[in-house]
ModelCIF file with pLDDT and N, C-alpha, C, O atoms, coordinates in Angstrom:
data_MODEL
#
_entry.id   MODEL 
#
_entity.id                         1 
_entity.type                       polymer 
_entity.pdbx_number_of_molecules   1 
#
_entity_poly.entity_id                      1 
_entity_poly.type                           'polypeptide(L)' 
_entity_poly.nstd_linkage                   no 
_entity_poly.nstd_monomer                   no 
_entity_poly.pdbx_seq_one_letter_code       LRLSCAASGIIFRIYVMGWYRQAPGKQRELVATITSG 
_entity_poly.pdbx_seq_one_letter_code_can   LRLSCAASGIIFRIYVMGWYRQAPGKQRELVATITSG 
_entity_poly.pdbx_strand_id                 A 
#
loop_
_entity_poly_seq.entity_id 
_entity_poly_seq.num 
_entity_poly_seq.mon_id 
_entity_poly_seq.hetero 
1 1  LEU n 
1 2  ARG n 
1 3  LEU n 
1 4  SER n 
1 5  CYS n 
1 6  ALA n 
1 7  ALA n 
1 8  SER n 
1 9  GLY n 
1 10 ILE n 
1 11 ILE n 
1 12 PHE n 
1 13 ARG n 
1 14 ILE n 
1 15 TYR n 
1 16 VAL n 
1 17 MET n 
1 18 GLY n 
1 19 TRP n 
1 20 TYR n 
1 21 ARG n 
1 22 GLN n 
1 23 ALA n 
1 24 PRO n 
1 25 GLY n 
1 26 LYS n 
1 27 GLN n 
1 28 ARG n 
1 29 GLU n 
1 30 LEU n 
1 31 VAL n 
1 32 ALA n 
1 33 THR n 
1 34 ILE n 
1 35 THR n 
1 36 SER n 
1 37 GLY n 
#
_struct_asym.id          A 
_struct_asym.entity_id   1 
#
loop_
_ma_qa_metric.id 
_ma_qa_metric.mode 
_ma_qa_metric.name 
_ma_qa_metric.software_group_id 
_ma_qa_metric.type 
1 global pLDDT . pLDDT 
2 local  pLDDT . pLDDT 
#
_ma_qa_metric_global.metric_id      1 
_ma_qa_metric_global.metric_value   94.97 
_ma_qa_metric_global.model_id       1 
_ma_qa_metric_global.ordinal_id     1 
#
loop_
_ma_qa_metric_local.label_asym_id 
_ma_qa_metric_local.label_comp_id 
_ma_qa_metric_local.label_seq_id 
_ma_qa_metric_local.metric_id 
_ma_qa_metric_local.metric_value 
_ma_qa_metric_local.model_id 
_ma_qa_metric_local.ordinal_id 
A LEU 1  2 98.00 1 1  
A ARG 2  2 98.00 1 2  
A LEU 3  2 98.00 1 3  
A SER 4  2 98.00 1 4  
A CYS 5  2 98.00 1 5  
A ALA 6  2 97.00 1 6  
A ALA 7  2 96.00 1 7  
A SER 8  2 92.00 1 8  
A GLY 9  2 89.00 1 9  
A ILE 10 2 87.00 1 10 
A ILE 11 2 88.00 1 11 
A PHE 12 2 89.00 1 12 
A ARG 13 2 87.00 1 13 
A ILE 14 2 85.00 1 14 
A TYR 15 2 93.00 1 15 
A VAL 16 2 97.00 1 16 
A MET 17 2 97.00 1 17 
A GLY 18 2 98.00 1 18 
A TRP 19 2 98.00 1 19 
A TYR 20 2 98.00 1 20 
A ARG 21 2 98.00 1 21 
A GLN 22 2 98.00 1 22 
A ALA 23 2 96.00 1 23 
A PRO 24 2 91.00 1 24 
A GLY 25 2 94.00 1 25 
A LYS 26 2 96.00 1 26 
A GLN 27 2 97.00 1 27 
A ARG 28 2 97.00 1 28 
A GLU 29 2 98.00 1 29 
A LEU 30 2 98.00 1 30 
A VAL 31 2 98.00 1 31 
A ALA 32 2 98.00 1 32 
A THR 33 2 98.00 1 33 
A ILE 34 2 98.00 1 34 
A THR 35 2 96.00 1 35 
A SER 36 2 91.00 1 36 
A GLY 37 2 91.00 1 37 
#
loop_
_atom_site.group_PDB 
_atom_site.id 
_atom_site.type_symbol 
_atom_site.label_atom_id 
_atom_site.label_alt_id 
_atom_site.label_comp_id 
_atom_site.label_asym_id 
_atom_site.label_entity_id 
_atom_site.label_seq_id 
_atom_site.pdbx_PDB_ins_code 
_atom_site.Cartn_x 
_atom_site.Cartn_y 
_atom_site.Cartn_z 
_atom_site.occupancy 
_atom_site.B_iso_or_equiv 
_atom_site.pdbx_formal_charge 
_atom_site.auth_seq_id 
_atom_site.auth_comp_id 
_atom_site.auth_asym_id 
_atom_site.auth_atom_id 
_atom_site.pdbx_PDB_model_num 
ATOM 1   N N  . LEU A 1 1  ? 0.858  -1.179 0.000  1.00 98.00 ? 1  LEU A N  1 
ATOM 2   C CA . LEU A 1 1  ? 0.000  0.000  0.000  1.00 98.00 ? 1  LEU A CA 1 
ATOM 3   C C  . LEU A 1 1  ? 0.897  1.231  0.000  1.00 98.00 ? 1  LEU A C  1 
ATOM 4   O O  . LEU A 1 1  ? 2.006  1.208  0.534  1.00 98.00 ? 1  LEU A O  1 
ATOM 5   N N  . ARG A 1 2  ? 0.407  2.292  -0.598 1.00 98.00 ? 2  ARG A N  1 
ATOM 6   C CA . ARG A 1 2  ? 1.114  3.566  -0.555 1.00 98.00 ? 2  ARG A CA 1 
ATOM 7   C C  . ARG A 1 2  ? 0.193  4.624  0.023  1.00 98.00 ? 2  ARG A C  1 
ATOM 8   O O  . ARG A 1 2  ? -0.855 4.932  -0.545 1.00 98.00 ? 2  ARG A O  1 
ATOM 9   N N  . LEU A 1 3  ? 0.591  5.172  1.153  1.00 98.00 ? 3  LEU A N  1 
ATOM 10  C CA . LEU A 1 3  ? -0.179 6.231  1.803  1.00 98.00 ? 3  LEU A CA 1 
ATOM 11  C C  . LEU A 1 3  ? 0.415  7.583  1.445  1.00 98.00 ? 3  LEU A C  1 
ATOM 12  O O  . LEU A 1 3  ? 1.627  7.728  1.285  1.00 98.00 ? 3  LEU A O  1 
ATOM 13  N N  . SER A 1 4  ? -0.457 8.560  1.325  1.00 98.00 ? 4  SER A N  1 
ATOM 14  C CA . SER A 1 4  ? -0.022 9.932  1.064  1.00 98.00 ? 4  SER A CA 1 
ATOM 15  C C  . SER A 1 4  ? -0.697 10.881 2.039  1.00 98.00 ? 4  SER A C  1 
ATOM 16  O O  . SER A 1 4  ? -1.803 10.629 2.516  1.00 98.00 ? 4  SER A O  1 
ATOM 17  N N  . CYS A 1 5  ? -0.014 11.965 2.319  1.00 98.00 ? 5  CYS A N  1 
ATOM 18  C CA . CYS A 1 5  ? -0.556 12.994 3.206  1.00 98.00 ? 5  CYS A CA 1 
ATOM 19  C C  . CYS A 1 5  ? -0.288 14.352 2.558  1.00 98.00 ? 5  CYS A C  1 
ATOM 20  O O  . CYS A 1 5  ? 0.855  14.702 2.265  1.00 98.00 ? 5  CYS A O  1 
ATOM 21  N N  . ALA A 1 6  ? -1.352 15.098 2.345  1.00 97.00 ? 6  ALA A N  1 
ATOM 22  C CA . ALA A 1 6  ? -1.237 16.442 1.774  1.00 97.00 ? 6  ALA A CA 1 
ATOM 23  C C  . ALA A 1 6  ? -1.419 17.459 2.885  1.00 97.00 ? 6  ALA A C  1 
ATOM 24  O O  . ALA A 1 6  ? -2.422 17.440 3.598  1.00 97.00 ? 6  ALA A O  1 
ATOM 25  N N  . ALA A 1 7  ? -0.455 18.337 3.028  1.00 96.00 ? 7  ALA A N  1 
ATOM 26  C CA . ALA A 1 7  ? -0.488 19.347 4.093  1.00 96.00 ? 7  ALA A CA 1 
ATOM 27  C C  . ALA A 1 7  ? -0.789 20.719 3.536  1.00 96.00 ? 7  ALA A C  1 
ATOM 28  O O  . ALA A 1 7  ? -0.351 21.067 2.440  1.00 96.00 ? 7  ALA A O  1 
ATOM 29  N N  . SER A 1 8  ? -1.533 21.492 4.290  1.00 92.00 ? 8  SER A N  1 
ATOM 30  C CA . SER A 1 8  ? -1.801 22.882 3.936  1.00 92.00 ? 8  SER A CA 1 
ATOM 31  C C  . SER A 1 8  ? -1.874 23.707 5.209  1.00 92.00 ? 8  SER A C  1 
ATOM 32  O O  . SER A 1 8  ? -2.177 23.194 6.286  1.00 92.00 ? 8  SER A O  1 
ATOM 33  N N  . GLY A 1 9  ? -1.590 24.987 5.066  1.00 89.00 ? 9  GLY A N  1 
ATOM 34  C CA . GLY A 1 9  ? -1.676 25.879 6.216  1.00 89.00 ? 9  GLY A CA 1 
ATOM 35  C C  . GLY A 1 9  ? -0.437 25.918 7.082  1.00 89.00 ? 9  GLY A C  1 
ATOM 36  O O  . GLY A 1 9  ? -0.431 26.586 8.116  1.00 89.00 ? 9  GLY A O  1 
ATOM 37  N N  . ILE A 1 10 ? 0.613  25.217 6.685  1.00 87.00 ? 10 ILE A N  1 
ATOM 38  C CA . ILE A 1 10 ? 1.871  25.244 7.438  1.00 87.00 ? 10 ILE A CA 1 
ATOM 39  C C  . ILE A 1 10 ? 3.030  25.482 6.476  1.00 87.00 ? 10 ILE A C  1 
ATOM 40  O O  . ILE A 1 10 ? 2.916  25.261 5.270  1.00 87.00 ? 10 ILE A O  1 
ATOM 41  N N  . ILE A 1 11 ? 4.143  25.935 7.036  1.00 88.00 ? 11 ILE A N  1 
ATOM 42  C CA . ILE A 1 11 ? 5.360  26.032 6.234  1.00 88.00 ? 11 ILE A CA 1 
ATOM 43  C C  . ILE A 1 11 ? 5.972  24.641 6.237  1.00 88.00 ? 11 ILE A C  1 
ATOM 44  O O  . ILE A 1 11 ? 6.818  24.313 7.070  1.00 88.00 ? 11 ILE A O  1 
ATOM 45  N N  . PHE A 1 12 ? 5.532  23.846 5.304  1.00 89.00 ? 12 PHE A N  1 
ATOM 46  C CA . PHE A 1 12 ? 5.760  22.395 5.307  1.00 89.00 ? 12 PHE A CA 1 
ATOM 47  C C  . PHE A 1 12 ? 7.232  22.044 5.474  1.00 89.00 ? 12 PHE A C  1 
ATOM 48  O O  . PHE A 1 12 ? 7.581  21.136 6.228  1.00 89.00 ? 12 PHE A O  1 
ATOM 49  N N  . ARG A 1 13 ? 8.089  22.768 4.764  1.00 87.00 ? 13 ARG A N  1 
ATOM 50  C CA . ARG A 1 13 ? 9.483  22.334 4.685  1.00 87.00 ? 13 ARG A CA 1 
ATOM 51  C C  . ARG A 1 13 ? 10.203 22.382 6.028  1.00 87.00 ? 13 ARG A C  1 
ATOM 52  O O  . ARG A 1 13 ? 11.258 21.763 6.166  1.00 87.00 ? 13 ARG A O  1 
ATOM 53  N N  . ILE A 1 14 ? 9.673  23.092 7.021  1.00 85.00 ? 14 ILE A N  1 
ATOM 54  C CA . ILE A 1 14 ? 10.381 23.200 8.292  1.00 85.00 ? 14 ILE A CA 1 
ATOM 55  C C  . ILE A 1 14 ? 9.918  22.165 9.318  1.00 85.00 ? 14 ILE A C  1 
ATOM 56  O O  . ILE A 1 14 ? 10.486 22.061 10.406 1.00 85.00 ? 14 ILE A O  1 
ATOM 57  N N  . TYR A 1 15 ? 8.891  21.409 8.966  1.00 93.00 ? 15 TYR A N  1 
ATOM 58  C CA . TYR A 1 15 ? 8.341  20.446 9.918  1.00 93.00 ? 15 TYR A CA 1 
ATOM 59  C C  . TYR A 1 15 ? 8.956  19.059 9.738  1.00 93.00 ? 15 TYR A C  1 
ATOM 60  O O  . TYR A 1 15 ? 9.261  18.638 8.622  1.00 93.00 ? 15 TYR A O  1 
ATOM 61  N N  . VAL A 1 16 ? 9.130  18.367 10.849 1.00 97.00 ? 16 VAL A N  1 
ATOM 62  C CA . VAL A 1 16 ? 9.408  16.937 10.796 1.00 97.00 ? 16 VAL A CA 1 
ATOM 63  C C  . VAL A 1 16 ? 8.069  16.249 10.532 1.00 97.00 ? 16 VAL A C  1 
ATOM 64  O O  . VAL A 1 16 ? 7.114  16.415 11.291 1.00 97.00 ? 16 VAL A O  1 
ATOM 65  N N  . MET A 1 17 ? 8.013  15.492 9.470  1.00 97.00 ? 17 MET A N  1 
ATOM 66  C CA . MET A 1 17 ? 6.787  14.799 9.104  1.00 97.00 ? 17 MET A CA 1 
ATOM 67  C C  . MET A 1 17 ? 6.889  13.333 9.516  1.00 97.00 ? 17 MET A C  1 
ATOM 68  O O  . MET A 1 17 ? 7.965  12.736 9.498  1.00 97.00 ? 17 MET A O  1 
ATOM 69  N N  . GLY A 1 18 ? 5.760  12.779 9.881  1.00 98.00 ? 18 GLY A N  1 
ATOM 70  C CA . GLY A 1 18 ? 5.796  11.398 10.338 1.00 98.00 ? 18 GLY A CA 1 
ATOM 71  C C  . GLY A 1 18 ? 4.493  10.664 10.081 1.00 98.00 ? 18 GLY A C  1 
ATOM 72  O O  . GLY A 1 18 ? 3.447  11.257 9.812  1.00 98.00 ? 18 GLY A O  1 
ATOM 73  N N  . TRP A 1 19 ? 4.602  9.369  10.174 1.00 98.00 ? 19 TRP A N  1 
ATOM 74  C CA . TRP A 1 19 ? 3.442  8.483  10.138 1.00 98.00 ? 19 TRP A CA 1 
ATOM 75  C C  . TRP A 1 19 ? 3.411  7.699  11.449 1.00 98.00 ? 19 TRP A C  1 
ATOM 76  O O  . TRP A 1 19 ? 4.418  7.161  11.910 1.00 98.00 ? 19 TRP A O  1 
ATOM 77  N N  . TYR A 1 20 ? 2.239  7.660  12.015 1.00 98.00 ? 20 TYR A N  1 
ATOM 78  C CA . TYR A 1 20 ? 1.982  6.870  13.214 1.00 98.00 ? 20 TYR A CA 1 
ATOM 79  C C  . TYR A 1 20 ? 0.813  5.946  12.911 1.00 98.00 ? 20 TYR A C  1 
ATOM 80  O O  . TYR A 1 20 ? 0.089  6.145  11.935 1.00 98.00 ? 20 TYR A O  1 
ATOM 81  N N  . ARG A 1 21 ? 0.634  4.939  13.752 1.00 98.00 ? 21 ARG A N  1 
ATOM 82  C CA . ARG A 1 21 ? -0.500 4.043  13.549 1.00 98.00 ? 21 ARG A CA 1 
ATOM 83  C C  . ARG A 1 21 ? -1.069 3.601  14.879 1.00 98.00 ? 21 ARG A C  1 
ATOM 84  O O  . ARG A 1 21 ? -0.386 3.579  15.903 1.00 98.00 ? 21 ARG A O  1 
ATOM 85  N N  . GLN A 1 22 ? -2.331 3.255  14.830 1.00 98.00 ? 22 GLN A N  1 
ATOM 86  C CA . GLN A 1 22 ? -3.001 2.737  16.026 1.00 98.00 ? 22 GLN A CA 1 
ATOM 87  C C  . GLN A 1 22 ? -3.855 1.549  15.639 1.00 98.00 ? 22 GLN A C  1 
ATOM 88  O O  . GLN A 1 22 ? -4.806 1.662  14.866 1.00 98.00 ? 22 GLN A O  1 
ATOM 89  N N  . ALA A 1 23 ? -3.491 0.408  16.195 1.00 96.00 ? 23 ALA A N  1 
ATOM 90  C CA . ALA A 1 23 ? -4.245 -0.818 15.978 1.00 96.00 ? 23 ALA A CA 1 
ATOM 91  C C  . ALA A 1 23 ? -5.335 -0.926 17.047 1.00 96.00 ? 23 ALA A C  1 
ATOM 92  O O  . ALA A 1 23 ? -5.225 -0.313 18.109 1.00 96.00 ? 23 ALA A O  1 
ATOM 93  N N  . PRO A 1 24 ? -6.383 -1.701 16.772 1.00 91.00 ? 24 PRO A N  1 
ATOM 94  C CA . PRO A 1 24 ? -7.462 -1.846 17.755 1.00 91.00 ? 24 PRO A CA 1 
ATOM 95  C C  . PRO A 1 24 ? -6.939 -2.319 19.105 1.00 91.00 ? 24 PRO A C  1 
ATOM 96  O O  . PRO A 1 24 ? -6.218 -3.313 19.186 1.00 91.00 ? 24 PRO A O  1 
ATOM 97  N N  . GLY A 1 25 ? -7.303 -1.609 20.153 1.00 94.00 ? 25 GLY A N  1 
ATOM 98  C CA . GLY A 1 25 ? -6.900 -2.008 21.493 1.00 94.00 ? 25 GLY A CA 1 
ATOM 99  C C  . GLY A 1 25 ? -5.473 -1.669 21.873 1.00 94.00 ? 25 GLY A C  1 
ATOM 100 O O  . GLY A 1 25 ? -5.005 -2.049 22.946 1.00 94.00 ? 25 GLY A O  1 
ATOM 101 N N  . LYS A 1 26 ? -4.779 -0.954 20.999 1.00 96.00 ? 26 LYS A N  1 
ATOM 102 C CA . LYS A 1 26 ? -3.382 -0.615 21.265 1.00 96.00 ? 26 LYS A CA 1 
ATOM 103 C C  . LYS A 1 26 ? -3.178 0.894  21.226 1.00 96.00 ? 26 LYS A C  1 
ATOM 104 O O  . LYS A 1 26 ? -4.007 1.646  20.712 1.00 96.00 ? 26 LYS A O  1 
ATOM 105 N N  . GLN A 1 27 ? -2.053 1.306  21.784 1.00 97.00 ? 27 GLN A N  1 
ATOM 106 C CA . GLN A 1 27 ? -1.711 2.732  21.755 1.00 97.00 ? 27 GLN A CA 1 
ATOM 107 C C  . GLN A 1 27 ? -1.172 3.128  20.391 1.00 97.00 ? 27 GLN A C  1 
ATOM 108 O O  . GLN A 1 27 ? -0.677 2.301  19.625 1.00 97.00 ? 27 GLN A O  1 
ATOM 109 N N  . ARG A 1 28 ? -1.284 4.409  20.116 1.00 97.00 ? 28 ARG A N  1 
ATOM 110 C CA . ARG A 1 28 ? -0.707 4.930  18.881 1.00 97.00 ? 28 ARG A CA 1 
ATOM 111 C C  . ARG A 1 28 ? 0.813  4.797  18.961 1.00 97.00 ? 28 ARG A C  1 
ATOM 112 O O  . ARG A 1 28 ? 1.417  5.076  19.997 1.00 97.00 ? 28 ARG A O  1 
ATOM 113 N N  . GLU A 1 29 ? 1.423  4.368  17.856 1.00 98.00 ? 29 GLU A N  1 
ATOM 114 C CA . GLU A 1 29 ? 2.862  4.163  17.840 1.00 98.00 ? 29 GLU A CA 1 
ATOM 115 C C  . GLU A 1 29 ? 3.485  4.796  16.612 1.00 98.00 ? 29 GLU A C  1 
ATOM 116 O O  . GLU A 1 29 ? 2.848  4.977  15.574 1.00 98.00 ? 29 GLU A O  1 
ATOM 117 N N  . LEU A 1 30 ? 4.759  5.125  16.776 1.00 98.00 ? 30 LEU A N  1 
ATOM 118 C CA . LEU A 1 30 ? 5.522  5.686  15.670 1.00 98.00 ? 30 LEU A CA 1 
ATOM 119 C C  . LEU A 1 30 ? 5.762  4.635  14.596 1.00 98.00 ? 30 LEU A C  1 
ATOM 120 O O  . LEU A 1 30 ? 6.096  3.491  14.905 1.00 98.00 ? 30 LEU A O  1 
ATOM 121 N N  . VAL A 1 31 ? 5.596  5.016  13.352 1.00 98.00 ? 31 VAL A N  1 
ATOM 122 C CA . VAL A 1 31 ? 5.959  4.153  12.231 1.00 98.00 ? 31 VAL A CA 1 
ATOM 123 C C  . VAL A 1 31 ? 7.253  4.658  11.602 1.00 98.00 ? 31 VAL A C  1 
ATOM 124 O O  . VAL A 1 31 ? 8.232  3.921  11.492 1.00 98.00 ? 31 VAL A O  1 
ATOM 125 N N  . ALA A 1 32 ? 7.245  5.933  11.188 1.00 98.00 ? 32 ALA A N  1 
ATOM 126 C CA . ALA A 1 32 ? 8.421  6.505  10.535 1.00 98.00 ? 32 ALA A CA 1 
ATOM 127 C C  . ALA A 1 32 ? 8.350  8.022  10.579 1.00 98.00 ? 32 ALA A C  1 
ATOM 128 O O  . ALA A 1 32 ? 7.266  8.605  10.606 1.00 98.00 ? 32 ALA A O  1 
ATOM 129 N N  . THR A 1 33 ? 9.518  8.652  10.587 1.00 98.00 ? 33 THR A N  1 
ATOM 130 C CA . THR A 1 33 ? 9.590  10.108 10.494 1.00 98.00 ? 33 THR A CA 1 
ATOM 131 C C  . THR A 1 33 ? 10.626 10.509 9.461  1.00 98.00 ? 33 THR A C  1 
ATOM 132 O O  . THR A 1 33 ? 11.521 9.737  9.116  1.00 98.00 ? 33 THR A O  1 
ATOM 133 N N  . ILE A 1 34 ? 10.483 11.733 8.977  1.00 98.00 ? 34 ILE A N  1 
ATOM 134 C CA . ILE A 1 34 ? 11.439 12.280 8.015  1.00 98.00 ? 34 ILE A CA 1 
ATOM 135 C C  . ILE A 1 34 ? 11.615 13.759 8.310  1.00 98.00 ? 34 ILE A C  1 
ATOM 136 O O  . ILE A 1 34 ? 10.637 14.497 8.431  1.00 98.00 ? 34 ILE A O  1 
ATOM 137 N N  . THR A 1 35 ? 12.859 14.187 8.424  1.00 96.00 ? 35 THR A N  1 
ATOM 138 C CA . THR A 1 35 ? 13.143 15.579 8.754  1.00 96.00 ? 35 THR A CA 1 
ATOM 139 C C  . THR A 1 35 ? 13.097 16.451 7.505  1.00 96.00 ? 35 THR A C  1 
ATOM 140 O O  . THR A 1 35 ? 12.921 15.963 6.388  1.00 96.00 ? 35 THR A O  1 
ATOM 141 N N  . SER A 1 36 ? 13.258 17.740 7.723  1.00 91.00 ? 36 SER A N  1 
ATOM 142 C CA . SER A 1 36 ? 13.270 18.667 6.595  1.00 91.00 ? 36 SER A CA 1 
ATOM 143 C C  . SER A 1 36 ? 14.425 18.370 5.654  1.00 91.00 ? 36 SER A C  1 
ATOM 144 O O  . SER A 1 36 ? 14.353 18.652 4.458  1.00 91.00 ? 36 SER A O  1 
ATOM 145 N N  . GLY A 1 37 ? 15.486 17.802 6.198  1.00 91.00 ? 37 GLY A N  1 
ATOM 146 C CA . GLY A 1 37 ? 16.627 17.430 5.373  1.00 91.00 ? 37 GLY A CA 1 
ATOM 147 C C  . GLY A 1 37 ? 16.575 16.006 4.859  1.00 91.00 ? 37 GLY A C  1 
ATOM 148 O O  . GLY A 1 37 ? 17.482 15.572 4.150  1.00 91.00 ? 37 GLY A O  1 
#
């Protein structure tokens, strides 16, 4: 699967962007992050 996220209203390039996930009955967890660089 390929997930995409479109951002608006922020200066996108300065933010650390990430994906998190939450499975049923579990806490939200980090999947991956990517810095501005």
